[in-house]
C-alpha atoms as a PDB file:
ATOM      1  CA  MET A   1       9.244 -13.318   4.502  1.00  0.00           C
ATOM      2  CA  GLU A   2       5.501 -13.077   4.033  1.00  0.00           C
ATOM      3  CA  LYS A   3       4.277 -10.693   1.331  1.00  0.00           C
ATOM      4  CA  LYS A   4       0.741  -9.700   0.442  1.00  0.00           C
ATOM      5  CA  GLU A   5      -0.138  -8.045  -2.846  1.00  0.00           C
ATOM      6  CA  TYR A   6      -2.979  -5.678  -3.748  1.00  0.00           C
ATOM      7  CA  SER A   7      -3.472  -4.398  -7.303  1.00  0.00           C
ATOM      8  CA  ASN A   8      -5.481  -1.717  -9.087  1.00  0.00           C
ATOM      9  CA  GLY A   9      -4.483  -3.047 -12.531  1.00  0.00           C
ATOM     10  CA  GLU A  10      -1.757  -0.429 -13.030  1.00  0.00           C
ATOM     11  CA  ILE A  11       0.262  -0.963  -9.880  1.00  0.00           C
ATOM     12  CA  THR A  12       0.615  -3.729  -7.314  1.00  0.00           C
ATOM     13  CA  ILE A  13       1.198  -2.733  -3.705  1.00  0.00           C
ATOM     14  CA  ILE A  14       3.377  -5.206  -1.836  1.00  0.00           C
ATOM     15  CA  TRP A  15       2.983  -5.292   1.944  1.00  0.00           C
ATOM     16  CA  GLN A  16       5.438  -7.139   4.179  1.00  0.00           C
ATOM     17  CA  PRO A  17       3.715  -7.309   7.579  1.00  0.00           C
ATOM     18  CA  GLN A  18       6.886  -8.339   9.451  1.00  0.00           C
ATOM     19  CA  LEU A  19       8.522  -5.029   8.512  1.00  0.00           C
ATOM     20  CA  CYS A  20       5.559  -2.827   9.425  1.00  0.00           C
ATOM     21  CA  ILE A  21       6.123  -0.560  12.450  1.00  0.00           C
ATOM     22  CA  HIS A  22       2.511   0.710  12.380  1.00  0.00           C
ATOM     23  CA  ALA A  23       3.518   4.360  12.031  1.00  0.00           C
ATOM     24  CA  GLY A  24       0.148   4.981  10.372  1.00  0.00           C
ATOM     25  CA  ILE A  25       1.491   7.249   7.634  1.00  0.00           C
ATOM     26  CA  CYS A  26      -0.284   5.175   5.009  1.00  0.00           C
ATOM     27  CA  ALA A  27      -3.695   5.525   6.680  1.00  0.00           C
ATOM     28  CA  LYS A  28      -3.171   9.223   7.404  1.00  0.00           C
ATOM     29  CA  SER A  29      -2.061   9.939   3.824  1.00  0.00           C
ATOM     30  CA  LEU A  30      -4.695   7.865   2.010  1.00  0.00           C
ATOM     31  CA  PRO A  31      -7.492   6.882   4.415  1.00  0.00           C
ATOM     32  CA  SER A  32      -9.687   5.730   1.523  1.00  0.00           C
ATOM     33  CA  VAL A  33      -7.051   3.118   0.612  1.00  0.00           C
ATOM     34  CA  TYR A  34      -5.654   1.938   3.957  1.00  0.00           C
ATOM     35  CA  LYS A  35      -8.282   0.785   6.468  1.00  0.00           C
ATOM     36  CA  SER A  36      -6.753  -1.437   9.130  1.00  0.00           C
ATOM     37  CA  LYS A  37     -10.081  -2.722  10.445  1.00  0.00           C
ATOM     38  CA  GLU A  38     -11.351  -3.931   7.052  1.00  0.00           C
ATOM     39  CA  LYS A  39     -10.488  -6.895   4.845  1.00  0.00           C
ATOM     40  CA  PRO A  40      -8.822  -6.433   2.520  1.00  0.00           C
ATOM     41  CA  TRP A  41      -7.243  -3.577   4.422  1.00  0.00           C
ATOM     42  CA  ILE A  42      -5.597  -2.127   1.299  1.00  0.00           C
ATOM     43  CA  THR A  43      -7.895  -1.078  -1.565  1.00  0.00           C
ATOM     44  CA  PRO A  44      -5.643   0.517  -4.193  1.00  0.00           C
ATOM     45  CA  GLU A  45      -8.546   1.184  -6.550  1.00  0.00           C
ATOM     46  CA  ASN A  46      -9.535   4.059  -4.229  1.00  0.00           C
ATOM     47  CA  ALA A  47      -6.618   6.293  -5.301  1.00  0.00           C
ATOM     48  CA  SER A  48      -4.672   7.115  -8.428  1.00  0.00           C
ATOM     49  CA  THR A  49      -1.485   5.247  -9.206  1.00  0.00           C
ATOM     50  CA  ASP A  50       0.521   8.452  -8.749  1.00  0.00           C
ATOM     51  CA  GLU A  51      -1.023   9.054  -5.309  1.00  0.00           C
ATOM     52  CA  LEU A  52      -0.206   5.485  -4.301  1.00  0.00           C
ATOM     53  CA  ILE A  53       3.427   5.783  -5.395  1.00  0.00           C
ATOM     54  CA  VAL A  54       3.940   9.026  -3.453  1.00  0.00           C
ATOM     55  CA  GLN A  55       2.435   7.491  -0.318  1.00  0.00           C
ATOM     56  CA  ILE A  56       4.341   4.193  -0.588  1.00  0.00           C
ATOM     57  CA  GLU A  57       7.628   6.066  -0.899  1.00  0.00           C
ATOM     58  CA  MET A  58       6.866   7.744   2.467  1.00  0.00           C
ATOM     59  CA  CYS A  59       6.643   4.405   4.337  1.00  0.00           C
ATOM     60  CA  PRO A  60       9.327   4.665   7.052  1.00  0.00           C
ATOM     61  CA  SER A  61       9.805   0.913   7.549  1.00  0.00           C
ATOM     62  CA  GLY A  62       9.867  -0.230   3.929  1.00  0.00           C
ATOM     63  CA  ALA A  63       6.924  -2.544   4.631  1.00  0.00           C
ATOM     64  CA  LEU A  64       5.160  -1.095   1.586  1.00  0.00           C
ATOM     65  CA  SER A  65       6.641  -1.272  -1.882  1.00  0.00           C
ATOM     66  CA  TYR A  66       5.193  -1.522  -5.366  1.00  0.00           C
ATOM     67  CA  LYS A  67       5.652  -2.843  -8.841  1.00  0.00           C
ATOM     68  CA  LYS A  68       4.089  -1.439 -11.965  1.00  0.00           C
ATOM     69  CA  SER A  69       2.028  -3.724 -14.142  1.00  0.00           C
ATOM     70  CA  THR A  70       3.373  -4.533 -17.576  1.00  0.00           C
ATOM     71  CA  ASN A  71       0.374  -4.543 -19.894  1.00  0.00           C
END
């Protein structure tokens, strides 16, 4: 399954497009991060790591997940 990764240095957002149901919760919750008409469409540097985690955990399809960086 295809996966795309976007990082802010502290956290990496993993998006699996095949799972996405386009509910739009991500864009409604953090419009400065998720912009479907732009490339890259996810810019995690526009929110705090804590904000990103809260939003990712609300994804109804599981298309968004994350891993924390180990520095």
